[in-house]
């Protein structure tokens, strides 16, 4: 799976002072990139919220 980040996300990660959190985030990205489908990623849950009506 391919991941794409915008500049604001990258800047937010750079601002983190806790290296443990940065390492955990990096490991999540590695797991996602290695996955062949969303079902292969551990602890993924369907988002709930506003339902959009397109029409």
PDB file of N, CA and C in Angstrom:
ATOM      1  N   UNK A   1       0.844  -1.164   0.000  1.00  0.00           N
ATOM      2  CA  UNK A   1       0.000   0.000   0.000  1.00  0.00           C
ATOM      3  C   UNK A   1       0.900   1.242   0.000  1.00  0.00           C
ATOM      4  N   UNK A   2       0.496   2.239  -0.705  1.00  0.00           N
ATOM      5  CA  UNK A   2       1.303   3.458  -0.800  1.00  0.00           C
ATOM      6  C   UNK A   2       0.719   4.539   0.105  1.00  0.00           C
ATOM      7  N   UNK A   3       1.570   5.225   0.839  1.00  0.00           N
ATOM      8  CA  UNK A   3       1.155   6.309   1.718  1.00  0.00           C
ATOM      9  C   UNK A   3       1.618   7.644   1.149  1.00  0.00           C
ATOM     10  N   UNK A   4       0.748   8.643   1.246  1.00  0.00           N
ATOM     11  CA  UNK A   4       1.084   9.990   0.797  1.00  0.00           C
ATOM     12  C   UNK A   4       0.715  10.948   1.928  1.00  0.00           C
ATOM     13  N   UNK A   5       1.627  11.847   2.273  1.00  0.00           N
ATOM     14  CA  UNK A   5       1.415  12.797   3.358  1.00  0.00           C
ATOM     15  C   UNK A   5       1.510  14.218   2.828  1.00  0.00           C
ATOM     16  N   UNK A   6       0.737  15.107   3.429  1.00  0.00           N
ATOM     17  CA  UNK A   6       0.887  16.505   3.052  1.00  0.00           C
ATOM     18  C   UNK A   6       1.939  17.165   3.946  1.00  0.00           C
ATOM     19  N   UNK A   7       2.329  18.357   3.584  1.00  0.00           N
ATOM     20  CA  UNK A   7       3.410  19.046   4.300  1.00  0.00           C
ATOM     21  C   UNK A   7       3.053  19.338   5.754  1.00  0.00           C
ATOM     22  N   UNK A   8       1.791  19.658   6.010  1.00  0.00           N
ATOM     23  CA  UNK A   8       1.412  19.992   7.381  1.00  0.00           C
ATOM     24  C   UNK A   8       1.539  18.783   8.302  1.00  0.00           C
ATOM     25  N   UNK A   9       1.241  17.589   7.797  1.00  0.00           N
ATOM     26  CA  UNK A   9       1.402  16.382   8.608  1.00  0.00           C
ATOM     27  C   UNK A   9       2.880  16.161   8.911  1.00  0.00           C
ATOM     28  N   UNK A  10       3.722  16.293   7.914  1.00  0.00           N
ATOM     29  CA  UNK A  10       5.161  16.115   8.115  1.00  0.00           C
ATOM     30  C   UNK A  10       5.710  17.118   9.124  1.00  0.00           C
ATOM     31  N   UNK A  11       5.244  18.362   9.041  1.00  0.00           N
ATOM     32  CA  UNK A  11       5.691  19.381   9.989  1.00  0.00           C
ATOM     33  C   UNK A  11       5.235  19.044  11.405  1.00  0.00           C
ATOM     34  N   UNK A  12       4.023  18.516  11.541  1.00  0.00           N
ATOM     35  CA  UNK A  12       3.519  18.140  12.862  1.00  0.00           C
ATOM     36  C   UNK A  12       4.363  17.026  13.471  1.00  0.00           C
ATOM     37  N   UNK A  13       4.751  16.063  12.658  1.00  0.00           N
ATOM     38  CA  UNK A  13       5.596  14.967  13.134  1.00  0.00           C
ATOM     39  C   UNK A  13       6.968  15.519  13.553  1.00  0.00           C
ATOM     40  N   UNK A  14       7.503  16.424  12.763  1.00  0.00           N
ATOM     41  CA  UNK A  14       8.808  17.004  13.083  1.00  0.00           C
ATOM     42  C   UNK A  14       8.788  17.759  14.412  1.00  0.00           C
ATOM     43  N   UNK A  15       7.652  18.333  14.775  1.00  0.00           N
ATOM     44  CA  UNK A  15       7.548  19.106  16.002  1.00  0.00           C
ATOM     45  C   UNK A  15       7.477  18.239  17.257  1.00  0.00           C
ATOM     46  N   UNK A  16       7.201  16.944  17.087  1.00  0.00           N
ATOM     47  CA  UNK A  16       7.123  16.062  18.253  1.00  0.00           C
ATOM     48  C   UNK A  16       8.484  15.946  18.924  1.00  0.00           C
ATOM     49  N   UNK A  17       8.495  16.037  20.243  1.00  0.00           N
ATOM     50  CA  UNK A  17       9.743  15.940  20.995  1.00  0.00           C
ATOM     51  C   UNK A  17      10.016  14.530  21.507  1.00  0.00           C
ATOM     52  N   UNK A  18       8.988  13.702  21.554  1.00  0.00           N
ATOM     53  CA  UNK A  18       9.103  12.361  22.116  1.00  0.00           C
ATOM     54  C   UNK A  18       9.503  11.366  21.019  1.00  0.00           C
ATOM     55  N   UNK A  19      10.724  10.872  21.082  1.00  0.00           N
ATOM     56  CA  UNK A  19      11.205   9.938  20.053  1.00  0.00           C
ATOM     57  C   UNK A  19      10.474   8.606  20.096  1.00  0.00           C
ATOM     58  N   UNK A  20       9.969   8.222  21.260  1.00  0.00           N
ATOM     59  CA  UNK A  20       9.219   6.972  21.370  1.00  0.00           C
ATOM     60  C   UNK A  20       7.956   7.031  20.515  1.00  0.00           C
ATOM     61  N   UNK A  21       7.271   8.163  20.559  1.00  0.00           N
ATOM     62  CA  UNK A  21       6.058   8.334  19.760  1.00  0.00           C
ATOM     63  C   UNK A  21       6.414   8.348  18.276  1.00  0.00           C
ATOM     64  N   UNK A  22       7.490   9.033  17.919  1.00  0.00           N
ATOM     65  CA  UNK A  22       7.922   9.058  16.516  1.00  0.00           C
ATOM     66  C   UNK A  22       8.225   7.652  16.010  1.00  0.00           C
ATOM     67  N   UNK A  23       8.870   6.835  16.844  1.00  0.00           N
ATOM     68  CA  UNK A  23       9.193   5.466  16.452  1.00  0.00           C
ATOM     69  C   UNK A  23       7.931   4.625  16.278  1.00  0.00           C
ATOM     70  N   UNK A  24       6.944   4.826  17.153  1.00  0.00           N
ATOM     71  CA  UNK A  24       5.683   4.095  17.038  1.00  0.00           C
ATOM     72  C   UNK A  24       4.938   4.492  15.763  1.00  0.00           C
ATOM     73  N   UNK A  25       4.932   5.771  15.458  1.00  0.00           N
ATOM     74  CA  UNK A  25       4.290   6.248  14.239  1.00  0.00           C
ATOM     75  C   UNK A  25       4.995   5.662  13.015  1.00  0.00           C
ATOM     76  N   UNK A  26       6.313   5.664  13.032  1.00  0.00           N
ATOM     77  CA  UNK A  26       7.078   5.097  11.923  1.00  0.00           C
ATOM     78  C   UNK A  26       6.759   3.616  11.742  1.00  0.00           C
ATOM     79  N   UNK A  27       6.619   2.874  12.851  1.00  0.00           N
ATOM     80  CA  UNK A  27       6.302   1.451  12.761  1.00  0.00           C
ATOM     81  C   UNK A  27       4.909   1.231  12.169  1.00  0.00           C
ATOM     82  N   UNK A  28       3.968   2.083  12.516  1.00  0.00           N
ATOM     83  CA  UNK A  28       2.621   1.986  11.941  1.00  0.00           C
ATOM     84  C   UNK A  28       2.692   2.187  10.436  1.00  0.00           C
ATOM     85  N   UNK A  29       3.480   3.171   9.999  1.00  0.00           N
ATOM     86  CA  UNK A  29       3.609   3.421   8.567  1.00  0.00           C
ATOM     87  C   UNK A  29       4.242   2.231   7.857  1.00  0.00           C
ATOM     88  N   UNK A  30       5.224   1.624   8.475  1.00  0.00           N
ATOM     89  CA  UNK A  30       5.873   0.446   7.894  1.00  0.00           C
ATOM     90  C   UNK A  30       4.861  -0.690   7.756  1.00  0.00           C
ATOM     91  N   UNK A  31       4.055  -0.895   8.798  1.00  0.00           N
ATOM     92  CA  UNK A  31       3.033  -1.943   8.763  1.00  0.00           C
ATOM     93  C   UNK A  31       2.007  -1.683   7.660  1.00  0.00           C
ATOM     94  N   UNK A  32       1.595  -0.433   7.515  1.00  0.00           N
ATOM     95  CA  UNK A  32       0.607  -0.092   6.493  1.00  0.00           C
ATOM     96  C   UNK A  32       1.181  -0.308   5.096  1.00  0.00           C
ATOM     97  N   UNK A  33       2.414   0.139   4.875  1.00  0.00           N
ATOM     98  CA  UNK A  33       3.029  -0.031   3.561  1.00  0.00           C
ATOM     99  C   UNK A  33       3.208  -1.501   3.206  1.00  0.00           C
ATOM    100  N   UNK A  34       3.450  -2.347   4.200  1.00  0.00           N
ATOM    101  CA  UNK A  34       3.652  -3.771   3.959  1.00  0.00           C
ATOM    102  C   UNK A  34       2.337  -4.511   3.724  1.00  0.00           C
ATOM    103  N   UNK A  35       1.229  -3.924   4.147  1.00  0.00           N
ATOM    104  CA  UNK A  35      -0.073  -4.595   4.038  1.00  0.00           C
ATOM    105  C   UNK A  35      -0.558  -4.607   2.591  1.00  0.00           C
ATOM    106  N   UNK A  36      -1.225  -5.691   2.245  1.00  0.00           N
ATOM    107  CA  UNK A  36      -1.790  -5.800   0.899  1.00  0.00           C
ATOM    108  C   UNK A  36      -3.236  -5.317   0.860  1.00  0.00           C
ATOM    109  N   UNK A  37      -3.865  -5.215   2.038  1.00  0.00           N
ATOM    110  CA  UNK A  37      -5.239  -4.716   2.117  1.00  0.00           C
ATOM    111  C   UNK A  37      -5.455  -4.116   3.506  1.00  0.00           C
ATOM    112  N   UNK A  38      -6.551  -3.390   3.658  1.00  0.00           N
ATOM    113  CA  UNK A  38      -6.850  -2.803   4.967  1.00  0.00           C
ATOM    114  C   UNK A  38      -7.115  -3.887   6.003  1.00  0.00           C
ATOM    115  N   UNK A  39      -7.654  -5.019   5.584  1.00  0.00           N
ATOM    116  CA  UNK A  39      -7.935  -6.120   6.501  1.00  0.00           C
ATOM    117  C   UNK A  39      -6.653  -6.692   7.100  1.00  0.00           C
ATOM    118  N   UNK A  40      -5.531  -6.515   6.424  1.00  0.00           N
ATOM    119  CA  UNK A  40      -4.256  -7.046   6.897  1.00  0.00           C
ATOM    120  C   UNK A  40      -3.600  -6.167   7.961  1.00  0.00           C
ATOM    121  N   UNK A  41      -4.148  -4.989   8.202  1.00  0.00           N
ATOM    122  CA  UNK A  41      -3.582  -4.064   9.183  1.00  0.00           C
ATOM    123  C   UNK A  41      -4.291  -4.285  10.515  1.00  0.00           C
ATOM    124  N   UNK A  42      -3.526  -4.481  11.569  1.00  0.00           N
ATOM    125  CA  UNK A  42      -4.097  -4.738  12.897  1.00  0.00           C
ATOM    126  C   UNK A  42      -4.774  -3.492  13.445  1.00  0.00           C
ATOM    127  N   UNK A  43      -5.862  -3.696  14.168  1.00  0.00           N
ATOM    128  CA  UNK A  43      -6.582  -2.636  14.896  1.00  0.00           C
ATOM    129  C   UNK A  43      -7.176  -1.541  14.021  1.00  0.00           C
ATOM    130  N   UNK A  44      -7.551  -1.868  12.800  1.00  0.00           N
ATOM    131  CA  UNK A  44      -8.208  -0.888  11.931  1.00  0.00           C
ATOM    132  C   UNK A  44      -9.705  -0.975  12.181  1.00  0.00           C
ATOM    133  N   UNK A  45     -10.322   0.180  12.402  1.00  0.00           N
ATOM    134  CA  UNK A  45     -11.761   0.220  12.635  1.00  0.00           C
ATOM    135  C   UNK A  45     -12.399   1.186  11.657  1.00  0.00           C
ATOM    136  N   UNK A  46     -13.614   0.880  11.264  1.00  0.00           N
ATOM    137  CA  UNK A  46     -14.358   1.746  10.368  1.00  0.00           C
ATOM    138  C   UNK A  46     -14.668   3.062  11.084  1.00  0.00           C
ATOM    139  N   UNK A  47     -14.455   4.174  10.400  1.00  0.00           N
ATOM    140  CA  UNK A  47     -14.746   5.471  10.981  1.00  0.00           C
ATOM    141  C   UNK A  47     -16.253   5.690  11.007  1.00  0.00           C
ATOM    142  N   UNK A  48     -16.723   6.356  12.040  1.00  0.00           N
ATOM    143  CA  UNK A  48     -18.127   6.676  12.142  1.00  0.00           C
ATOM    144  C   UNK A  48     -18.271   8.185  12.202  1.00  0.00           C
ATOM    145  N   UNK A  49     -19.386   8.658  11.712  1.00  0.00           N
ATOM    146  CA  UNK A  49     -19.590  10.098  11.767  1.00  0.00           C
ATOM    147  C   UNK A  49     -20.614  10.542  10.755  1.00  0.00           C
ATOM    148  N   UNK A  50     -20.418  11.708  10.233  1.00  0.00           N
ATOM    149  CA  UNK A  50     -21.338  12.318   9.295  1.00  0.00           C
ATOM    150  C   UNK A  50     -21.447  11.503   8.020  1.00  0.00           C
ATOM    151  N   UNK A  51     -22.668  11.219   7.602  1.00  0.00           N
ATOM    152  CA  UNK A  51     -22.887  10.519   6.339  1.00  0.00           C
ATOM    153  C   UNK A  51     -23.097  11.570   5.245  1.00  0.00           C
ATOM    154  N   UNK A  52     -22.309  11.458   4.205  1.00  0.00           N
ATOM    155  CA  UNK A  52     -22.424  12.401   3.098  1.00  0.00           C
ATOM    156  C   UNK A  52     -23.397  11.863   2.055  1.00  0.00           C
ATOM    157  N   UNK A  53     -24.211  12.744   1.558  1.00  0.00           N
ATOM    158  CA  UNK A  53     -25.143  12.377   0.487  1.00  0.00           C
ATOM    159  C   UNK A  53     -24.639  13.048  -0.774  1.00  0.00           C
ATOM    160  N   UNK A  54     -24.262  12.228  -1.735  1.00  0.00           N
ATOM    161  CA  UNK A  54     -23.753  12.753  -2.995  1.00  0.00           C
ATOM    162  C   UNK A  54     -24.797  12.464  -4.058  1.00  0.00           C
ATOM    163  N   UNK A  55     -25.194  13.489  -4.744  1.00  0.00           N
ATOM    164  CA  UNK A  55     -26.209  13.220  -5.759  1.00  0.00           C
ATOM    165  C   UNK A  55     -26.560  14.403  -6.580  1.00  0.00           C
TER     166      UNK A  55
END
